Every structure is written in C-alpha cells, then in structure tokens.
Amino acid sequence: MSNLTNDQRIALEAAVFRRLVEHLRTRSDVQNIDLMNLAGFCRNCLSNWYREAAEASGEELSKEESREIIYGEPYADWQAKHQREASDVQKAAFEANKPAH
C-alpha cells in the first residue's frame, strides 16, 4: 500500500469525486437509467449519498440542494434539457436489475 496520510487519501478521494461529477455533467447524453442498468447507480444516487454524508456530519442538506450539487443546476432544469423518456428496453432492463430496497 501507499504511504499516504489520511488527509492525503481524503484529498485524493475528493478530487476523484469532483472529476466524476464533472464527467457526468459533460455526459448529459448518458441517461440515469443507462447508468442504473450498467452500473447500479446514477446521478440521483450520488446526490442521495452526498446528502446522507452531509447529514451524518451534522449538516442539513435538502434533496434539491444535493441534486443541484451533482447536476450543476436545478434538477428540473437538467431534466427539461437532457432527460428523455426511457425506452421499453431500458425500462425492462431496469426492472430486471433494480436493487431491492
């Protein structure tokens, strides 16, 4: 293993997270259902995890605020610009693979 300090590890993880979020913002052509079907998570999952982490550290963050952090704009605006209706194939794949909560 590397000789990274905990602070260095946290800083690197944060940089990777920021890069992932920026990548997802530039790839608005990739729909959330595609991400869910292929990877089991999507932008909304990231925003939920972000909000949960904030709450675990004692910070209040609304669903709308956490989504804006991930999407880079209000979620409704992103949806209006980029979200398409899922195809029957996408919906069937989601039903077959959706996580059991």
PDB file of N, CA and C in Angstrom:
ATOM      1  N   MET A   1       0.839  -1.194   0.000  1.00  0.00           N
ATOM      2  CA  MET A   1       0.000   0.000   0.000  1.00  0.00           C
ATOM      3  C   MET A   1       0.878   1.248   0.000  1.00  0.00           C
ATOM      4  N   SER A   2       0.271   2.319  -0.357  1.00  0.00           N
ATOM      5  CA  SER A   2       0.973   3.597  -0.406  1.00  0.00           C
ATOM      6  C   SER A   2       1.192   4.144   0.998  1.00  0.00           C
ATOM      7  N   ASN A   3       2.084   5.085   1.089  1.00  0.00           N
ATOM      8  CA  ASN A   3       2.365   5.740   2.364  1.00  0.00           C
ATOM      9  C   ASN A   3       1.586   7.039   2.512  1.00  0.00           C
ATOM     10  N   LEU A   4       0.414   7.109   1.924  1.00  0.00           N
ATOM     11  CA  LEU A   4      -0.403   8.318   2.018  1.00  0.00           C
ATOM     12  C   LEU A   4      -0.884   8.518   3.445  1.00  0.00           C
ATOM     13  N   THR A   5      -0.926   9.780   3.834  1.00  0.00           N
ATOM     14  CA  THR A   5      -1.568  10.091   5.118  1.00  0.00           C
ATOM     15  C   THR A   5      -3.077  10.055   4.908  1.00  0.00           C
ATOM     16  N   ASN A   6      -3.806  10.029   5.992  1.00  0.00           N
ATOM     17  CA  ASN A   6      -5.263  10.042   5.904  1.00  0.00           C
ATOM     18  C   ASN A   6      -5.751  11.305   5.200  1.00  0.00           C
ATOM     19  N   ASP A   7      -5.136  12.431   5.502  1.00  0.00           N
ATOM     20  CA  ASP A   7      -5.520  13.690   4.848  1.00  0.00           C
ATOM     21  C   ASP A   7      -5.251  13.645   3.344  1.00  0.00           C
ATOM     22  N   GLN A   8      -4.123  13.062   2.940  1.00  0.00           N
ATOM     23  CA  GLN A   8      -3.820  12.926   1.523  1.00  0.00           C
ATOM     24  C   GLN A   8      -4.838  12.013   0.832  1.00  0.00           C
ATOM     25  N   ARG A   9      -5.170  10.905   1.480  1.00  0.00           N
ATOM     26  CA  ARG A   9      -6.148   9.977   0.919  1.00  0.00           C
ATOM     27  C   ARG A   9      -7.491  10.667   0.730  1.00  0.00           C
ATOM     28  N   ILE A  10      -7.919  11.407   1.739  1.00  0.00           N
ATOM     29  CA  ILE A  10      -9.197  12.127   1.661  1.00  0.00           C
ATOM     30  C   ILE A  10      -9.165  13.160   0.535  1.00  0.00           C
ATOM     31  N   ALA A  11      -8.052  13.876   0.412  1.00  0.00           N
ATOM     32  CA  ALA A  11      -7.929  14.887  -0.647  1.00  0.00           C
ATOM     33  C   ALA A  11      -7.982  14.234  -2.030  1.00  0.00           C
ATOM     34  N   LEU A  12      -7.324  13.107  -2.192  1.00  0.00           N
ATOM     35  CA  LEU A  12      -7.362  12.398  -3.476  1.00  0.00           C
ATOM     36  C   LEU A  12      -8.766  11.874  -3.769  1.00  0.00           C
ATOM     37  N   GLU A  13      -9.412  11.307  -2.780  1.00  0.00           N
ATOM     38  CA  GLU A  13     -10.779  10.818  -2.973  1.00  0.00           C
ATOM     39  C   GLU A  13     -11.713  11.957  -3.363  1.00  0.00           C
ATOM     40  N   ALA A  14     -11.548  13.106  -2.732  1.00  0.00           N
ATOM     41  CA  ALA A  14     -12.373  14.268  -3.066  1.00  0.00           C
ATOM     42  C   ALA A  14     -12.113  14.730  -4.498  1.00  0.00           C
ATOM     43  N   ALA A  15     -10.862  14.714  -4.918  1.00  0.00           N
ATOM     44  CA  ALA A  15     -10.526  15.115  -6.291  1.00  0.00           C
ATOM     45  C   ALA A  15     -11.146  14.152  -7.292  1.00  0.00           C
ATOM     46  N   VAL A  16     -11.100  12.867  -6.998  1.00  0.00           N
ATOM     47  CA  VAL A  16     -11.694  11.866  -7.886  1.00  0.00           C
ATOM     48  C   VAL A  16     -13.209  12.058  -7.955  1.00  0.00           C
ATOM     49  N   PHE A  17     -13.836  12.325  -6.815  1.00  0.00           N
ATOM     50  CA  PHE A  17     -15.280  12.558  -6.795  1.00  0.00           C
ATOM     51  C   PHE A  17     -15.630  13.773  -7.646  1.00  0.00           C
ATOM     52  N   ARG A  18     -14.883  14.861  -7.485  1.00  0.00           N
ATOM     53  CA  ARG A  18     -15.155  16.064  -8.281  1.00  0.00           C
ATOM     54  C   ARG A  18     -15.005  15.775  -9.769  1.00  0.00           C
ATOM     55  N   ARG A  19     -14.005  14.982 -10.127  1.00  0.00           N
ATOM     56  CA  ARG A  19     -13.809  14.633 -11.535  1.00  0.00           C
ATOM     57  C   ARG A  19     -14.956  13.777 -12.059  1.00  0.00           C
ATOM     58  N   LEU A  20     -15.432  12.835 -11.257  1.00  0.00           N
ATOM     59  CA  LEU A  20     -16.575  12.006 -11.650  1.00  0.00           C
ATOM     60  C   LEU A  20     -17.807  12.875 -11.870  1.00  0.00           C
ATOM     61  N   VAL A  21     -18.081  13.773 -10.957  1.00  0.00           N
ATOM     62  CA  VAL A  21     -19.251  14.646 -11.076  1.00  0.00           C
ATOM     63  C   VAL A  21     -19.134  15.510 -12.327  1.00  0.00           C
ATOM     64  N   GLU A  22     -17.962  16.080 -12.571  1.00  0.00           N
ATOM     65  CA  GLU A  22     -17.769  16.908 -13.765  1.00  0.00           C
ATOM     66  C   GLU A  22     -17.940  16.071 -15.035  1.00  0.00           C
ATOM     67  N   HIS A  23     -17.427  14.862 -15.019  1.00  0.00           N
ATOM     68  CA  HIS A  23     -17.585  13.970 -16.169  1.00  0.00           C
ATOM     69  C   HIS A  23     -19.066  13.701 -16.438  1.00  0.00           C
ATOM     70  N   LEU A  24     -19.825  13.413 -15.394  1.00  0.00           N
ATOM     71  CA  LEU A  24     -21.255  13.149 -15.572  1.00  0.00           C
ATOM     72  C   LEU A  24     -22.005  14.391 -16.051  1.00  0.00           C
ATOM     73  N   ARG A  25     -21.555  15.566 -15.634  1.00  0.00           N
ATOM     74  CA  ARG A  25     -22.180  16.801 -16.113  1.00  0.00           C
ATOM     75  C   ARG A  25     -21.934  16.995 -17.605  1.00  0.00           C
ATOM     76  N   THR A  26     -20.745  16.623 -18.077  1.00  0.00           N
ATOM     77  CA  THR A  26     -20.451  16.802 -19.501  1.00  0.00           C
ATOM     78  C   THR A  26     -21.071  15.705 -20.353  1.00  0.00           C
ATOM     79  N   ARG A  27     -21.447  14.595 -19.747  1.00  0.00           N
ATOM     80  CA  ARG A  27     -22.043  13.486 -20.485  1.00  0.00           C
ATOM     81  C   ARG A  27     -23.551  13.429 -20.227  1.00  0.00           C
ATOM     82  N   SER A  28     -24.208  14.540 -20.474  1.00  0.00           N
ATOM     83  CA  SER A  28     -25.662  14.601 -20.280  1.00  0.00           C
ATOM     84  C   SER A  28     -26.397  13.695 -21.260  1.00  0.00           C
ATOM     85  N   ASP A  29     -25.695  13.217 -22.304  1.00  0.00           N
ATOM     86  CA  ASP A  29     -26.307  12.275 -23.230  1.00  0.00           C
ATOM     87  C   ASP A  29     -26.525  10.907 -22.580  1.00  0.00           C
ATOM     88  N   VAL A  30     -25.776  10.618 -21.534  1.00  0.00           N
ATOM     89  CA  VAL A  30     -25.936   9.354 -20.817  1.00  0.00           C
ATOM     90  C   VAL A  30     -27.055   9.537 -19.795  1.00  0.00           C
ATOM     91  N   GLN A  31     -28.117   8.821 -19.989  1.00  0.00           N
ATOM     92  CA  GLN A  31     -29.289   8.941 -19.129  1.00  0.00           C
ATOM     93  C   GLN A  31     -29.075   8.189 -17.819  1.00  0.00           C
ATOM     94  N   ASN A  32     -29.770   8.631 -16.776  1.00  0.00           N
ATOM     95  CA  ASN A  32     -29.665   7.964 -15.480  1.00  0.00           C
ATOM     96  C   ASN A  32     -30.056   6.493 -15.572  1.00  0.00           C
ATOM     97  N   ILE A  33     -31.066   6.182 -16.366  1.00  0.00           N
ATOM     98  CA  ILE A  33     -31.482   4.788 -16.471  1.00  0.00           C
ATOM     99  C   ILE A  33     -30.371   3.941 -17.096  1.00  0.00           C
ATOM    100  N   ASP A  34     -29.598   4.529 -18.011  1.00  0.00           N
ATOM    101  CA  ASP A  34     -28.452   3.819 -18.583  1.00  0.00           C
ATOM    102  C   ASP A  34     -27.412   3.522 -17.496  1.00  0.00           C
ATOM    103  N   LEU A  35     -27.134   4.531 -16.681  1.00  0.00           N
ATOM    104  CA  LEU A  35     -26.188   4.337 -15.584  1.00  0.00           C
ATOM    105  C   LEU A  35     -26.684   3.264 -14.619  1.00  0.00           C
ATOM    106  N   MET A  36     -27.969   3.322 -14.279  1.00  0.00           N
ATOM    107  CA  MET A  36     -28.540   2.324 -13.365  1.00  0.00           C
ATOM    108  C   MET A  36     -28.434   0.929 -13.954  1.00  0.00           C
ATOM    109  N   ASN A  37     -28.761   0.801 -15.226  1.00  0.00           N
ATOM    110  CA  ASN A  37     -28.747  -0.511 -15.858  1.00  0.00           C
ATOM    111  C   ASN A  37     -27.338  -1.079 -15.985  1.00  0.00           C
ATOM    112  N   LEU A  38     -26.355  -0.218 -16.192  1.00  0.00           N
ATOM    113  CA  LEU A  38     -24.986  -0.693 -16.381  1.00  0.00           C
ATOM    114  C   LEU A  38     -24.177  -0.755 -15.087  1.00  0.00           C
ATOM    115  N   ALA A  39     -24.388   0.218 -14.213  1.00  0.00           N
ATOM    116  CA  ALA A  39     -23.514   0.331 -13.045  1.00  0.00           C
ATOM    117  C   ALA A  39     -24.235   0.186 -11.709  1.00  0.00           C
ATOM    118  N   GLY A  40     -25.562   0.232 -11.724  1.00  0.00           N
ATOM    119  CA  GLY A  40     -26.301   0.094 -10.475  1.00  0.00           C
ATOM    120  C   GLY A  40     -26.380   1.362  -9.646  1.00  0.00           C
ATOM    121  N   PHE A  41     -25.972   2.481 -10.215  1.00  0.00           N
ATOM    122  CA  PHE A  41     -26.120   3.779  -9.558  1.00  0.00           C
ATOM    123  C   PHE A  41     -26.238   4.846 -10.633  1.00  0.00           C
ATOM    124  N   CYS A  42     -26.741   6.029 -10.227  1.00  0.00           N
ATOM    125  CA  CYS A  42     -26.895   7.129 -11.180  1.00  0.00           C
ATOM    126  C   CYS A  42     -26.618   8.452 -10.480  1.00  0.00           C
ATOM    127  N   ARG A  43     -26.859   9.530 -11.173  1.00  0.00           N
ATOM    128  CA  ARG A  43     -26.636  10.858 -10.599  1.00  0.00           C
ATOM    129  C   ARG A  43     -27.489  11.065  -9.354  1.00  0.00           C
ATOM    130  N   ASN A  44     -28.727  10.574  -9.389  1.00  0.00           N
ATOM    131  CA  ASN A  44     -29.587  10.725  -8.219  1.00  0.00           C
ATOM    132  C   ASN A  44     -29.039   9.954  -7.026  1.00  0.00           C
ATOM    133  N   CYS A  45     -28.480   8.771  -7.277  1.00  0.00           N
ATOM    134  CA  CYS A  45     -27.842   8.010  -6.195  1.00  0.00           C
ATOM    135  C   CYS A  45     -26.706   8.831  -5.590  1.00  0.00           C
ATOM    136  N   LEU A  46     -25.866   9.418  -6.448  1.00  0.00           N
ATOM    137  CA  LEU A  46     -24.764  10.241  -5.945  1.00  0.00           C
ATOM    138  C   LEU A  46     -25.277  11.391  -5.093  1.00  0.00           C
ATOM    139  N   SER A  47     -26.356  12.027  -5.550  1.00  0.00           N
ATOM    140  CA  SER A  47     -26.887  13.152  -4.772  1.00  0.00           C
ATOM    141  C   SER A  47     -27.448  12.666  -3.437  1.00  0.00           C
ATOM    142  N   ASN A  48     -28.060  11.493  -3.428  1.00  0.00           N
ATOM    143  CA  ASN A  48     -28.557  10.928  -2.159  1.00  0.00           C
ATOM    144  C   ASN A  48     -27.401  10.593  -1.222  1.00  0.00           C
ATOM    145  N   TRP A  49     -26.334  10.004  -1.761  1.00  0.00           N
ATOM    146  CA  TRP A  49     -25.171   9.677  -0.931  1.00  0.00           C
ATOM    147  C   TRP A  49     -24.523  10.948  -0.390  1.00  0.00           C
ATOM    148  N   TYR A  50     -24.493  11.985  -1.202  1.00  0.00           N
ATOM    149  CA  TYR A  50     -23.936  13.267  -0.774  1.00  0.00           C
ATOM    150  C   TYR A  50     -24.748  13.830   0.394  1.00  0.00           C
ATOM    151  N   ARG A  51     -26.070  13.804   0.230  1.00  0.00           N
ATOM    152  CA  ARG A  51     -26.952  14.317   1.287  1.00  0.00           C
ATOM    153  C   ARG A  51     -26.800  13.487   2.561  1.00  0.00           C
ATOM    154  N   GLU A  52     -26.738  12.170   2.430  1.00  0.00           N
ATOM    155  CA  GLU A  52     -26.578  11.297   3.587  1.00  0.00           C
ATOM    156  C   GLU A  52     -25.253  11.566   4.308  1.00  0.00           C
ATOM    157  N   ALA A  53     -24.189  11.800   3.541  1.00  0.00           N
ATOM    158  CA  ALA A  53     -22.894  12.116   4.144  1.00  0.00           C
ATOM    159  C   ALA A  53     -22.951  13.452   4.878  1.00  0.00           C
ATOM    160  N   ALA A  54     -23.633  14.424   4.278  1.00  0.00           N
ATOM    161  CA  ALA A  54     -23.788  15.722   4.937  1.00  0.00           C
ATOM    162  C   ALA A  54     -24.551  15.562   6.242  1.00  0.00           C
ATOM    163  N   GLU A  55     -25.634  14.826   6.200  1.00  0.00           N
ATOM    164  CA  GLU A  55     -26.440  14.617   7.404  1.00  0.00           C
ATOM    165  C   GLU A  55     -25.657  13.863   8.474  1.00  0.00           C
ATOM    166  N   ALA A  56     -24.836  12.899   8.067  1.00  0.00           N
ATOM    167  CA  ALA A  56     -24.024  12.143   9.015  1.00  0.00           C
ATOM    168  C   ALA A  56     -23.001  13.033   9.717  1.00  0.00           C
ATOM    169  N   SER A  57     -22.616  14.127   9.053  1.00  0.00           N
ATOM    170  CA  SER A  57     -21.677  15.059   9.674  1.00  0.00           C
ATOM    171  C   SER A  57     -22.386  16.226  10.354  1.00  0.00           C
ATOM    172  N   GLY A  58     -23.717  16.142  10.441  1.00  0.00           N
ATOM    173  CA  GLY A  58     -24.486  17.158  11.154  1.00  0.00           C
ATOM    174  C   GLY A  58     -24.953  18.323  10.315  1.00  0.00           C
ATOM    175  N   GLU A  59     -24.806  18.232   8.993  1.00  0.00           N
ATOM    176  CA  GLU A  59     -25.220  19.310   8.099  1.00  0.00           C
ATOM    177  C   GLU A  59     -26.570  18.989   7.472  1.00  0.00           C
ATOM    178  N   GLU A  60     -27.439  19.956   7.438  1.00  0.00           N
ATOM    179  CA  GLU A  60     -28.730  19.809   6.769  1.00  0.00           C
ATOM    180  C   GLU A  60     -28.554  20.133   5.291  1.00  0.00           C
ATOM    181  N   LEU A  61     -29.049  19.249   4.458  1.00  0.00           N
ATOM    182  CA  LEU A  61     -28.985  19.458   3.018  1.00  0.00           C
ATOM    183  C   LEU A  61     -30.248  18.850   2.429  1.00  0.00           C
ATOM    184  N   SER A  62     -30.989  19.645   1.681  1.00  0.00           N
ATOM    185  CA  SER A  62     -32.230  19.145   1.095  1.00  0.00           C
ATOM    186  C   SER A  62     -31.927  18.286  -0.124  1.00  0.00           C
ATOM    187  N   LYS A  63     -32.915  17.513  -0.527  1.00  0.00           N
ATOM    188  CA  LYS A  63     -32.799  16.694  -1.733  1.00  0.00           C
ATOM    189  C   LYS A  63     -32.505  17.582  -2.940  1.00  0.00           C
ATOM    190  N   GLU A  64     -33.189  18.719  -3.028  1.00  0.00           N
ATOM    191  CA  GLU A  64     -32.985  19.639  -4.143  1.00  0.00           C
ATOM    192  C   GLU A  64     -31.576  20.220  -4.129  1.00  0.00           C
ATOM    193  N   GLU A  65     -31.076  20.565  -2.948  1.00  0.00           N
ATOM    194  CA  GLU A  65     -29.723  21.123  -2.849  1.00  0.00           C
ATOM    195  C   GLU A  65     -28.666  20.096  -3.255  1.00  0.00           C
ATOM    196  N   SER A  66     -28.824  18.870  -2.790  1.00  0.00           N
ATOM    197  CA  SER A  66     -27.827  17.852  -3.129  1.00  0.00           C
ATOM    198  C   SER A  66     -27.870  17.511  -4.618  1.00  0.00           C
ATOM    199  N   ARG A  67     -29.052  17.522  -5.201  1.00  0.00           N
ATOM    200  CA  ARG A  67     -29.142  17.274  -6.640  1.00  0.00           C
ATOM    201  C   ARG A  67     -28.492  18.405  -7.429  1.00  0.00           C
ATOM    202  N   GLU A  68     -28.666  19.630  -6.992  1.00  0.00           N
ATOM    203  CA  GLU A  68     -28.045  20.751  -7.705  1.00  0.00           C
ATOM    204  C   GLU A  68     -26.518  20.661  -7.633  1.00  0.00           C
ATOM    205  N   ILE A  69     -25.988  20.174  -6.519  1.00  0.00           N
ATOM    206  CA  ILE A  69     -24.542  19.982  -6.390  1.00  0.00           C
ATOM    207  C   ILE A  69     -24.048  18.984  -7.427  1.00  0.00           C
ATOM    208  N   ILE A  70     -24.779  17.904  -7.616  1.00  0.00           N
ATOM    209  CA  ILE A  70     -24.360  16.866  -8.554  1.00  0.00           C
ATOM    210  C   ILE A  70     -24.637  17.273 -10.004  1.00  0.00           C
ATOM    211  N   TYR A  71     -25.813  17.801 -10.279  1.00  0.00           N
ATOM    212  CA  TYR A  71     -26.189  18.139 -11.656  1.00  0.00           C
ATOM    213  C   TYR A  71     -25.587  19.460 -12.133  1.00  0.00           C
ATOM    214  N   GLY A  72     -25.169  20.313 -11.214  1.00  0.00           N
ATOM    215  CA  GLY A  72     -24.601  21.601 -11.592  1.00  0.00           C
ATOM    216  C   GLY A  72     -25.647  22.644 -11.920  1.00  0.00           C
ATOM    217  N   GLU A  73     -26.888  22.322 -11.675  1.00  0.00           N
ATOM    218  CA  GLU A  73     -28.023  23.221 -11.921  1.00  0.00           C
ATOM    219  C   GLU A  73     -29.237  22.590 -11.245  1.00  0.00           C
ATOM    220  N   PRO A  74     -30.317  23.349 -11.093  1.00  0.00           N
ATOM    221  CA  PRO A  74     -31.516  22.729 -10.519  1.00  0.00           C
ATOM    222  C   PRO A  74     -31.926  21.500 -11.325  1.00  0.00           C
ATOM    223  N   TYR A  75     -32.334  20.462 -10.613  1.00  0.00           N
ATOM    224  CA  TYR A  75     -32.677  19.188 -11.242  1.00  0.00           C
ATOM    225  C   TYR A  75     -33.745  19.357 -12.312  1.00  0.00           C
ATOM    226  N   ALA A  76     -34.755  20.168 -12.038  1.00  0.00           N
ATOM    227  CA  ALA A  76     -35.836  20.379 -13.016  1.00  0.00           C
ATOM    228  C   ALA A  76     -35.290  20.966 -14.316  1.00  0.00           C
ATOM    229  N   ASP A  77     -34.311  21.856 -14.205  1.00  0.00           N
ATOM    230  CA  ASP A  77     -33.696  22.438 -15.406  1.00  0.00           C
ATOM    231  C   ASP A  77     -32.944  21.368 -16.190  1.00  0.00           C
ATOM    232  N   TRP A  78     -32.170  20.531 -15.477  1.00  0.00           N
ATOM    233  CA  TRP A  78     -31.426  19.465 -16.143  1.00  0.00           C
ATOM    234  C   TRP A  78     -32.389  18.509 -16.842  1.00  0.00           C
ATOM    235  N   GLN A  79     -33.462  18.134 -16.143  1.00  0.00           N
ATOM    236  CA  GLN A  79     -34.448  17.225 -16.737  1.00  0.00           C
ATOM    237  C   GLN A  79     -35.029  17.809 -18.017  1.00  0.00           C
ATOM    238  N   ALA A  80     -35.412  19.078 -17.976  1.00  0.00           N
ATOM    239  CA  ALA A  80     -36.025  19.707 -19.142  1.00  0.00           C
ATOM    240  C   ALA A  80     -35.074  19.737 -20.338  1.00  0.00           C
ATOM    241  N   LYS A  81     -33.782  19.917 -20.076  1.00  0.00           N
ATOM    242  CA  LYS A  81     -32.797  19.996 -21.152  1.00  0.00           C
ATOM    243  C   LYS A  81     -32.347  18.637 -21.667  1.00  0.00           C
ATOM    244  N   HIS A  82     -32.230  17.658 -20.772  1.00  0.00           N
ATOM    245  CA  HIS A  82     -31.499  16.442 -21.130  1.00  0.00           C
ATOM    246  C   HIS A  82     -32.246  15.118 -20.987  1.00  0.00           C
ATOM    247  N   GLN A  83     -33.246  15.066 -20.133  1.00  0.00           N
ATOM    248  CA  GLN A  83     -33.860  13.764 -19.867  1.00  0.00           C
ATOM    249  C   GLN A  83     -34.839  13.373 -20.964  1.00  0.00           C
ATOM    250  N   ARG A  84     -34.671  12.132 -21.435  1.00  0.00           N
ATOM    251  CA  ARG A  84     -35.576  11.579 -22.434  1.00  0.00           C
ATOM    252  C   ARG A  84     -36.430  10.500 -21.784  1.00  0.00           C
ATOM    253  N   GLU A  85     -37.539  10.202 -22.419  1.00  0.00           N
ATOM    254  CA  GLU A  85     -38.370   9.093 -21.967  1.00  0.00           C
ATOM    255  C   GLU A  85     -37.589   7.801 -22.164  1.00  0.00           C
ATOM    256  N   ALA A  86     -37.581   6.956 -21.147  1.00  0.00           N
ATOM    257  CA  ALA A  86     -36.875   5.678 -21.252  1.00  0.00           C
ATOM    258  C   ALA A  86     -37.592   4.777 -22.247  1.00  0.00           C
ATOM    259  N   SER A  87     -36.807   4.032 -22.991  1.00  0.00           N
ATOM    260  CA  SER A  87     -37.380   3.087 -23.952  1.00  0.00           C
ATOM    261  C   SER A  87     -37.928   1.868 -23.209  1.00  0.00           C
ATOM    262  N   ASP A  88     -38.725   1.090 -23.894  1.00  0.00           N
ATOM    263  CA  ASP A  88     -39.248  -0.137 -23.299  1.00  0.00           C
ATOM    264  C   ASP A  88     -38.111  -1.082 -22.916  1.00  0.00           C
ATOM    265  N   VAL A  89     -37.069  -1.129 -23.732  1.00  0.00           N
ATOM    266  CA  VAL A  89     -35.913  -1.985 -23.445  1.00  0.00           C
ATOM    267  C   VAL A  89     -35.203  -1.510 -22.169  1.00  0.00           C
ATOM    268  N   GLN A  90     -35.009  -0.193 -22.051  1.00  0.00           N
ATOM    269  CA  GLN A  90     -34.373   0.356 -20.855  1.00  0.00           C
ATOM    270  C   GLN A  90     -35.208   0.073 -19.614  1.00  0.00           C
ATOM    271  N   LYS A  91     -36.513   0.256 -19.722  1.00  0.00           N
ATOM    272  CA  LYS A  91     -37.396   0.016 -18.582  1.00  0.00           C
ATOM    273  C   LYS A  91     -37.381  -1.450 -18.169  1.00  0.00           C
ATOM    274  N   ALA A  92     -37.388  -2.357 -19.131  1.00  0.00           N
ATOM    275  CA  ALA A  92     -37.360  -3.788 -18.835  1.00  0.00           C
ATOM    276  C   ALA A  92     -36.036  -4.151 -18.148  1.00  0.00           C
ATOM    277  N   ALA A  93     -34.937  -3.613 -18.646  1.00  0.00           N
ATOM    278  CA  ALA A  93     -33.630  -3.888 -18.031  1.00  0.00           C
ATOM    279  C   ALA A  93     -33.583  -3.362 -16.614  1.00  0.00           C
ATOM    280  N   PHE A  94     -34.158  -2.186 -16.387  1.00  0.00           N
ATOM    281  CA  PHE A  94     -34.177  -1.613 -15.039  1.00  0.00           C
ATOM    282  C   PHE A  94     -34.986  -2.510 -14.107  1.00  0.00           C
ATOM    283  N   GLU A  95     -36.145  -2.951 -14.551  1.00  0.00           N
ATOM    284  CA  GLU A  95     -36.975  -3.825 -13.709  1.00  0.00           C
ATOM    285  C   GLU A  95     -36.252  -5.123 -13.372  1.00  0.00           C
ATOM    286  N   ALA A  96     -35.523  -5.660 -14.334  1.00  0.00           N
ATOM    287  CA  ALA A  96     -34.811  -6.916 -14.116  1.00  0.00           C
ATOM    288  C   ALA A  96     -33.615  -6.754 -13.165  1.00  0.00           C
ATOM    289  N   ASN A  97     -33.031  -5.545 -13.158  1.00  0.00           N
ATOM    290  CA  ASN A  97     -31.786  -5.331 -12.400  1.00  0.00           C
ATOM    291  C   ASN A  97     -31.924  -4.416 -11.212  1.00  0.00           C
ATOM    292  N   LYS A  98     -33.095  -3.829 -10.986  1.00  0.00           N
ATOM    293  CA  LYS A  98     -33.186  -2.811  -9.941  1.00  0.00           C
ATOM    294  C   LYS A  98     -32.871  -3.402  -8.573  1.00  0.00           C
ATOM    295  N   PRO A  99     -32.195  -2.598  -7.762  1.00  0.00           N
ATOM    296  CA  PRO A  99     -31.815  -3.072  -6.427  1.00  0.00           C
ATOM    297  C   PRO A  99     -33.038  -3.272  -5.546  1.00  0.00           C
ATOM    298  N   ALA A 100     -32.962  -4.251  -4.697  1.00  0.00           N
ATOM    299  CA  ALA A 100     -34.043  -4.486  -3.732  1.00  0.00           C
ATOM    300  C   ALA A 100     -33.802  -3.613  -2.524  1.00  0.00           C
ATOM    301  N   HIS A 101     -34.728  -2.717  -2.253  1.00  0.00           N
ATOM    302  CA  HIS A 101     -34.594  -1.818  -1.075  1.00  0.00           C
ATOM    303  C   HIS A 101     -35.513  -2.292   0.003  1.00  0.00           C
TER     304      HIS A 101
END
